[in-house]
Amino acid sequence: MRPAVLIYDGECPVCAKAADWVKARSLPEAFEYLSCRSESLPSRFPAIEKEACLQAMHLGLPDGSMLIGERAVPEILLRLRGYRWAAALFRLPGAGIFSRFFYRWFATNRFHISKALFTDRAP
């Protein structure tokens, strides 16, 4: 399996903790991690606008396709040790609607959530 590129907001405490969680559980060489604020983002992924990147994580797949937000979650789960089964939950009836709503709510409120959860890292 060639690595996918997980692109996330490296300055968001929730996003950084989520990336750390993925790193701790990922299969060897399953991911490369790149902050939306990285200087190399525009040259490596010119189609990703910084503002869009800061609103939702992006997952660049080895075939060149890009999964954004909640659509990236099942693919991430498939690349984690012990979580492949959870990817199947996203195929259940209504899962797409629920995951889209929850992801967008969470992404919009992530800095408020980080203040509540991670007082030592909140901006």
N, C-alpha and C. Protein backbone atom coordinates (compact mmCIF):
# COMPACT_ATOMS: atom_id res chain seq x y z
N MET A 1 0.85 -1.18 0.00
CA MET A 1 0.00 0.00 0.00
C MET A 1 0.90 1.24 0.00
N ARG A 2 0.73 2.09 -1.00
CA ARG A 2 1.47 3.35 -1.03
C ARG A 2 0.82 4.31 -0.05
N PRO A 3 1.61 5.23 0.50
CA PRO A 3 1.03 6.13 1.51
C PRO A 3 0.03 7.13 0.93
N ALA A 4 -0.99 7.40 1.71
CA ALA A 4 -1.92 8.48 1.42
C ALA A 4 -1.39 9.70 2.16
N VAL A 5 -1.74 10.89 1.70
CA VAL A 5 -1.28 12.11 2.35
C VAL A 5 -2.45 12.69 3.13
N LEU A 6 -2.32 12.71 4.45
CA LEU A 6 -3.34 13.29 5.33
C LEU A 6 -2.99 14.76 5.52
N ILE A 7 -3.86 15.62 5.01
CA ILE A 7 -3.63 17.06 5.07
C ILE A 7 -4.61 17.64 6.07
N TYR A 8 -4.09 18.31 7.08
CA TYR A 8 -4.91 18.79 8.19
C TYR A 8 -4.36 20.12 8.69
N ASP A 9 -5.15 20.79 9.54
CA ASP A 9 -4.73 22.06 10.13
C ASP A 9 -3.80 21.76 11.30
N GLY A 10 -2.52 21.93 11.09
CA GLY A 10 -1.53 21.63 12.12
C GLY A 10 -1.55 22.58 13.30
N GLU A 11 -2.24 23.69 13.19
CA GLU A 11 -2.33 24.64 14.32
C GLU A 11 -3.59 24.45 15.14
N CYS A 12 -4.47 23.58 14.71
CA CYS A 12 -5.69 23.27 15.46
C CYS A 12 -5.39 22.13 16.43
N PRO A 13 -5.56 22.35 17.72
CA PRO A 13 -5.25 21.29 18.69
C PRO A 13 -6.05 20.00 18.46
N VAL A 14 -7.32 20.11 18.10
CA VAL A 14 -8.12 18.92 17.85
C VAL A 14 -7.58 18.18 16.62
N CYS A 15 -7.27 18.93 15.58
CA CYS A 15 -6.75 18.33 14.35
C CYS A 15 -5.41 17.66 14.59
N ALA A 16 -4.53 18.34 15.34
CA ALA A 16 -3.22 17.78 15.64
C ALA A 16 -3.35 16.51 16.49
N LYS A 17 -4.25 16.51 17.46
CA LYS A 17 -4.47 15.31 18.28
C LYS A 17 -5.04 14.18 17.43
N ALA A 18 -5.94 14.52 16.50
CA ALA A 18 -6.50 13.49 15.63
C ALA A 18 -5.41 12.90 14.74
N ALA A 19 -4.53 13.73 14.20
CA ALA A 19 -3.42 13.23 13.38
C ALA A 19 -2.49 12.35 14.23
N ASP A 20 -2.23 12.73 15.46
CA ASP A 20 -1.41 11.92 16.37
C ASP A 20 -2.08 10.57 16.63
N TRP A 21 -3.41 10.58 16.79
CA TRP A 21 -4.17 9.35 17.02
C TRP A 21 -4.03 8.43 15.82
N VAL A 22 -4.15 8.99 14.62
CA VAL A 22 -4.00 8.20 13.40
C VAL A 22 -2.58 7.65 13.31
N LYS A 23 -1.58 8.47 13.58
CA LYS A 23 -0.18 8.02 13.52
C LYS A 23 0.06 6.83 14.44
N ALA A 24 -0.51 6.88 15.63
CA ALA A 24 -0.30 5.82 16.62
C ALA A 24 -0.95 4.51 16.21
N ARG A 25 -1.94 4.56 15.33
CA ARG A 25 -2.70 3.36 14.97
C ARG A 25 -2.55 2.95 13.52
N SER A 26 -1.80 3.72 12.75
CA SER A 26 -1.74 3.44 11.32
C SER A 26 -0.80 2.29 11.00
N LEU A 27 -1.08 1.67 9.89
CA LEU A 27 -0.20 0.64 9.37
C LEU A 27 1.11 1.31 8.96
N PRO A 28 2.19 0.58 8.98
CA PRO A 28 3.48 1.19 8.61
C PRO A 28 3.42 1.83 7.22
N GLU A 29 3.90 3.06 7.16
CA GLU A 29 3.97 3.80 5.90
C GLU A 29 2.62 4.00 5.23
N ALA A 30 1.52 3.97 6.00
CA ALA A 30 0.19 4.15 5.43
C ALA A 30 -0.11 5.61 5.11
N PHE A 31 0.52 6.53 5.84
CA PHE A 31 0.23 7.95 5.67
C PHE A 31 1.50 8.79 5.65
N GLU A 32 1.36 9.88 4.97
CA GLU A 32 2.28 11.00 5.10
C GLU A 32 1.41 12.11 5.68
N TYR A 33 1.97 12.93 6.53
CA TYR A 33 1.19 13.98 7.21
C TYR A 33 1.69 15.35 6.75
N LEU A 34 0.73 16.21 6.41
CA LEU A 34 1.07 17.53 5.89
C LEU A 34 0.09 18.56 6.44
N SER A 35 0.63 19.60 7.03
CA SER A 35 -0.21 20.67 7.56
C SER A 35 -0.72 21.55 6.42
N CYS A 36 -1.93 22.04 6.56
CA CYS A 36 -2.49 23.00 5.59
C CYS A 36 -1.63 24.25 5.51
N ARG A 37 -0.89 24.49 6.55
CA ARG A 37 -0.09 25.71 6.63
C ARG A 37 1.35 25.49 6.15
N SER A 38 1.63 24.30 5.64
CA SER A 38 2.95 23.98 5.14
C SER A 38 3.26 24.80 3.89
N GLU A 39 4.50 25.24 3.79
CA GLU A 39 4.93 25.99 2.61
C GLU A 39 4.90 25.13 1.35
N SER A 40 4.99 23.81 1.51
CA SER A 40 5.01 22.93 0.34
C SER A 40 3.61 22.57 -0.17
N LEU A 41 2.57 22.90 0.58
CA LEU A 41 1.21 22.55 0.16
C LEU A 41 0.87 23.09 -1.23
N PRO A 42 1.06 24.38 -1.52
CA PRO A 42 0.67 24.88 -2.84
C PRO A 42 1.40 24.21 -4.01
N SER A 43 2.64 23.86 -3.83
CA SER A 43 3.37 23.23 -4.93
C SER A 43 3.00 21.75 -5.08
N ARG A 44 2.75 21.08 -3.98
CA ARG A 44 2.41 19.66 -4.05
C ARG A 44 0.95 19.42 -4.42
N PHE A 45 0.07 20.30 -3.92
CA PHE A 45 -1.36 20.15 -4.15
C PHE A 45 -1.95 21.48 -4.58
N PRO A 46 -1.66 21.93 -5.79
CA PRO A 46 -2.10 23.26 -6.22
C PRO A 46 -3.62 23.42 -6.30
N ALA A 47 -4.35 22.33 -6.40
CA ALA A 47 -5.81 22.43 -6.49
C ALA A 47 -6.47 22.70 -5.14
N ILE A 48 -5.73 22.53 -4.05
CA ILE A 48 -6.31 22.75 -2.71
C ILE A 48 -6.07 24.20 -2.30
N GLU A 49 -7.15 24.93 -2.16
CA GLU A 49 -7.04 26.30 -1.67
C GLU A 49 -6.88 26.25 -0.16
N LYS A 50 -6.04 27.13 0.36
CA LYS A 50 -5.73 27.11 1.79
C LYS A 50 -7.01 27.22 2.64
N GLU A 51 -7.92 28.09 2.26
CA GLU A 51 -9.16 28.27 3.04
C GLU A 51 -9.98 26.97 3.08
N ALA A 52 -10.07 26.28 1.96
CA ALA A 52 -10.79 25.01 1.93
C ALA A 52 -10.07 23.97 2.78
N CYS A 53 -8.76 24.00 2.76
CA CYS A 53 -7.96 23.07 3.56
C CYS A 53 -8.19 23.29 5.05
N LEU A 54 -8.32 24.54 5.44
CA LEU A 54 -8.52 24.86 6.85
C LEU A 54 -9.93 24.52 7.33
N GLN A 55 -10.84 24.28 6.40
CA GLN A 55 -12.22 23.96 6.77
C GLN A 55 -12.46 22.46 6.89
N ALA A 56 -11.63 21.65 6.25
CA ALA A 56 -11.83 20.19 6.29
C ALA A 56 -10.52 19.50 5.95
N MET A 57 -10.31 18.36 6.60
CA MET A 57 -9.11 17.58 6.26
C MET A 57 -9.26 17.06 4.84
N HIS A 58 -8.13 16.82 4.22
CA HIS A 58 -8.07 16.26 2.88
C HIS A 58 -7.19 15.02 2.94
N LEU A 59 -7.55 14.04 2.15
CA LEU A 59 -6.75 12.82 2.07
C LEU A 59 -6.41 12.58 0.61
N GLY A 60 -5.14 12.78 0.27
CA GLY A 60 -4.68 12.53 -1.09
C GLY A 60 -4.30 11.07 -1.22
N LEU A 61 -4.96 10.38 -2.14
CA LEU A 61 -4.70 8.96 -2.34
C LEU A 61 -3.60 8.74 -3.37
N PRO A 62 -2.95 7.59 -3.32
CA PRO A 62 -1.84 7.32 -4.24
C PRO A 62 -2.24 7.42 -5.72
N ASP A 63 -3.51 7.19 -6.04
CA ASP A 63 -3.94 7.27 -7.43
C ASP A 63 -4.19 8.70 -7.89
N GLY A 64 -3.97 9.68 -6.98
CA GLY A 64 -4.16 11.08 -7.33
C GLY A 64 -5.51 11.65 -6.95
N SER A 65 -6.44 10.80 -6.53
CA SER A 65 -7.75 11.31 -6.12
C SER A 65 -7.67 11.92 -4.73
N MET A 66 -8.65 12.74 -4.41
CA MET A 66 -8.67 13.47 -3.14
C MET A 66 -10.01 13.23 -2.45
N LEU A 67 -9.95 12.85 -1.19
CA LEU A 67 -11.16 12.71 -0.37
C LEU A 67 -11.15 13.84 0.65
N ILE A 68 -12.30 14.47 0.83
CA ILE A 68 -12.37 15.65 1.69
C ILE A 68 -13.38 15.43 2.81
N GLY A 69 -12.99 15.87 4.01
CA GLY A 69 -13.90 15.83 5.16
C GLY A 69 -14.32 14.43 5.52
N GLU A 70 -15.63 14.26 5.72
CA GLU A 70 -16.17 12.98 6.16
C GLU A 70 -15.95 11.87 5.15
N ARG A 71 -15.73 12.20 3.90
CA ARG A 71 -15.48 11.18 2.87
C ARG A 71 -14.11 10.54 3.03
N ALA A 72 -13.21 11.21 3.74
CA ALA A 72 -11.87 10.65 3.98
C ALA A 72 -11.86 9.64 5.12
N VAL A 73 -12.81 9.74 6.01
CA VAL A 73 -12.78 8.92 7.24
C VAL A 73 -12.76 7.42 6.96
N PRO A 74 -13.64 6.88 6.10
CA PRO A 74 -13.58 5.42 5.87
C PRO A 74 -12.23 4.95 5.33
N GLU A 75 -11.64 5.72 4.44
CA GLU A 75 -10.32 5.35 3.89
C GLU A 75 -9.24 5.41 4.96
N ILE A 76 -9.34 6.39 5.84
CA ILE A 76 -8.38 6.46 6.95
C ILE A 76 -8.53 5.22 7.83
N LEU A 77 -9.76 4.86 8.16
CA LEU A 77 -10.01 3.70 9.01
C LEU A 77 -9.48 2.41 8.38
N LEU A 78 -9.57 2.30 7.06
CA LEU A 78 -9.06 1.11 6.38
C LEU A 78 -7.55 0.97 6.52
N ARG A 79 -6.88 2.07 6.79
CA ARG A 79 -5.42 2.07 6.90
C ARG A 79 -4.93 2.00 8.35
N LEU A 80 -5.85 1.77 9.28
CA LEU A 80 -5.49 1.69 10.70
C LEU A 80 -5.55 0.25 11.19
N ARG A 81 -4.64 -0.09 12.09
CA ARG A 81 -4.67 -1.41 12.72
C ARG A 81 -5.88 -1.50 13.65
N GLY A 82 -6.70 -2.51 13.44
CA GLY A 82 -7.83 -2.77 14.32
C GLY A 82 -9.06 -1.93 14.07
N TYR A 83 -9.08 -1.13 13.02
CA TYR A 83 -10.24 -0.25 12.76
C TYR A 83 -10.85 -0.46 11.38
N ARG A 84 -10.38 -1.44 10.63
CA ARG A 84 -10.93 -1.67 9.30
C ARG A 84 -12.42 -1.94 9.35
N TRP A 85 -12.87 -2.63 10.38
CA TRP A 85 -14.29 -2.94 10.53
C TRP A 85 -15.14 -1.67 10.61
N ALA A 86 -14.60 -0.62 11.20
CA ALA A 86 -15.35 0.62 11.39
C ALA A 86 -15.65 1.32 10.07
N ALA A 87 -14.83 1.07 9.06
CA ALA A 87 -15.07 1.68 7.74
C ALA A 87 -16.41 1.20 7.18
N ALA A 88 -16.80 -0.03 7.51
CA ALA A 88 -18.06 -0.59 7.02
C ALA A 88 -19.27 0.18 7.56
N LEU A 89 -19.12 0.80 8.72
CA LEU A 89 -20.23 1.55 9.31
C LEU A 89 -20.66 2.71 8.41
N PHE A 90 -19.74 3.21 7.61
CA PHE A 90 -20.05 4.33 6.73
C PHE A 90 -20.87 3.90 5.51
N ARG A 91 -21.07 2.59 5.34
CA ARG A 91 -21.90 2.09 4.25
C ARG A 91 -23.33 1.80 4.70
N LEU A 92 -23.61 1.96 5.99
CA LEU A 92 -24.95 1.72 6.51
C LEU A 92 -25.92 2.79 6.01
N PRO A 93 -27.21 2.46 5.88
CA PRO A 93 -28.19 3.46 5.45
C PRO A 93 -28.19 4.68 6.38
N GLY A 94 -28.14 5.85 5.81
CA GLY A 94 -28.16 7.09 6.59
C GLY A 94 -26.81 7.54 7.11
N ALA A 95 -25.80 6.68 6.99
CA ALA A 95 -24.48 7.03 7.53
C ALA A 95 -23.88 8.24 6.84
N GLY A 96 -24.09 8.36 5.55
CA GLY A 96 -23.53 9.49 4.81
C GLY A 96 -24.10 10.82 5.27
N ILE A 97 -25.39 10.85 5.48
CA ILE A 97 -26.05 12.08 5.93
C ILE A 97 -25.58 12.43 7.34
N PHE A 98 -25.57 11.44 8.22
CA PHE A 98 -25.15 11.68 9.61
C PHE A 98 -23.69 12.12 9.66
N SER A 99 -22.81 11.41 8.95
CA SER A 99 -21.39 11.75 9.01
C SER A 99 -21.12 13.13 8.42
N ARG A 100 -21.82 13.49 7.36
CA ARG A 100 -21.64 14.83 6.77
C ARG A 100 -22.07 15.91 7.75
N PHE A 101 -23.23 15.74 8.37
CA PHE A 101 -23.72 16.71 9.34
C PHE A 101 -22.76 16.83 10.52
N PHE A 102 -22.38 15.68 11.10
CA PHE A 102 -21.52 15.70 12.27
C PHE A 102 -20.15 16.29 11.94
N TYR A 103 -19.56 15.86 10.81
CA TYR A 103 -18.24 16.36 10.46
C TYR A 103 -18.26 17.88 10.28
N ARG A 104 -19.24 18.38 9.58
CA ARG A 104 -19.30 19.83 9.35
C ARG A 104 -19.53 20.60 10.64
N TRP A 105 -20.39 20.07 11.51
CA TRP A 105 -20.62 20.72 12.81
C TRP A 105 -19.31 20.73 13.60
N PHE A 106 -18.64 19.59 13.66
CA PHE A 106 -17.41 19.46 14.42
C PHE A 106 -16.32 20.38 13.86
N ALA A 107 -16.17 20.38 12.53
CA ALA A 107 -15.13 21.21 11.90
C ALA A 107 -15.38 22.69 12.17
N THR A 108 -16.63 23.10 12.13
CA THR A 108 -16.97 24.50 12.38
C THR A 108 -16.68 24.90 13.82
N ASN A 109 -16.84 23.98 14.73
CA ASN A 109 -16.69 24.26 16.16
C ASN A 109 -15.41 23.73 16.77
N ARG A 110 -14.46 23.33 15.96
CA ARG A 110 -13.27 22.66 16.48
C ARG A 110 -12.43 23.50 17.42
N PHE A 111 -12.35 24.81 17.20
CA PHE A 111 -11.56 25.64 18.10
C PHE A 111 -12.25 25.79 19.45
N HIS A 112 -13.57 25.85 19.45
CA HIS A 112 -14.31 25.89 20.73
C HIS A 112 -14.15 24.55 21.46
N ILE A 113 -14.22 23.48 20.70
CA ILE A 113 -14.04 22.14 21.28
C ILE A 113 -12.64 22.00 21.85
N SER A 114 -11.64 22.50 21.13
CA SER A 114 -10.27 22.38 21.61
C SER A 114 -10.05 23.17 22.89
N LYS A 115 -10.72 24.31 23.01
CA LYS A 115 -10.60 25.09 24.25
C LYS A 115 -11.16 24.31 25.43
N ALA A 116 -12.23 23.58 25.19
CA ALA A 116 -12.84 22.80 26.27
C ALA A 116 -12.02 21.55 26.61
N LEU A 117 -11.42 20.94 25.61
CA LEU A 117 -10.71 19.68 25.82
C LEU A 117 -9.22 19.83 26.11
N PHE A 118 -8.59 20.80 25.46
CA PHE A 118 -7.13 20.92 25.53
C PHE A 118 -6.75 22.33 25.93
N THR A 119 -6.98 22.70 27.15
CA THR A 119 -6.70 24.07 27.59
C THR A 119 -5.23 24.43 27.46
N ASP A 120 -4.34 23.43 27.48
CA ASP A 120 -2.91 23.71 27.36
C ASP A 120 -2.48 24.03 25.93
N ARG A 121 -3.29 23.64 24.90
CA ARG A 121 -2.91 23.85 23.50
C ARG A 121 -3.88 24.76 22.75
N ALA A 122 -4.96 25.16 23.35
CA ALA A 122 -5.97 25.97 22.63
C ALA A 122 -5.41 27.33 22.26
N PRO A 123 -5.76 27.82 21.04
CA PRO A 123 -5.27 29.14 20.63
C PRO A 123 -5.90 30.28 21.42
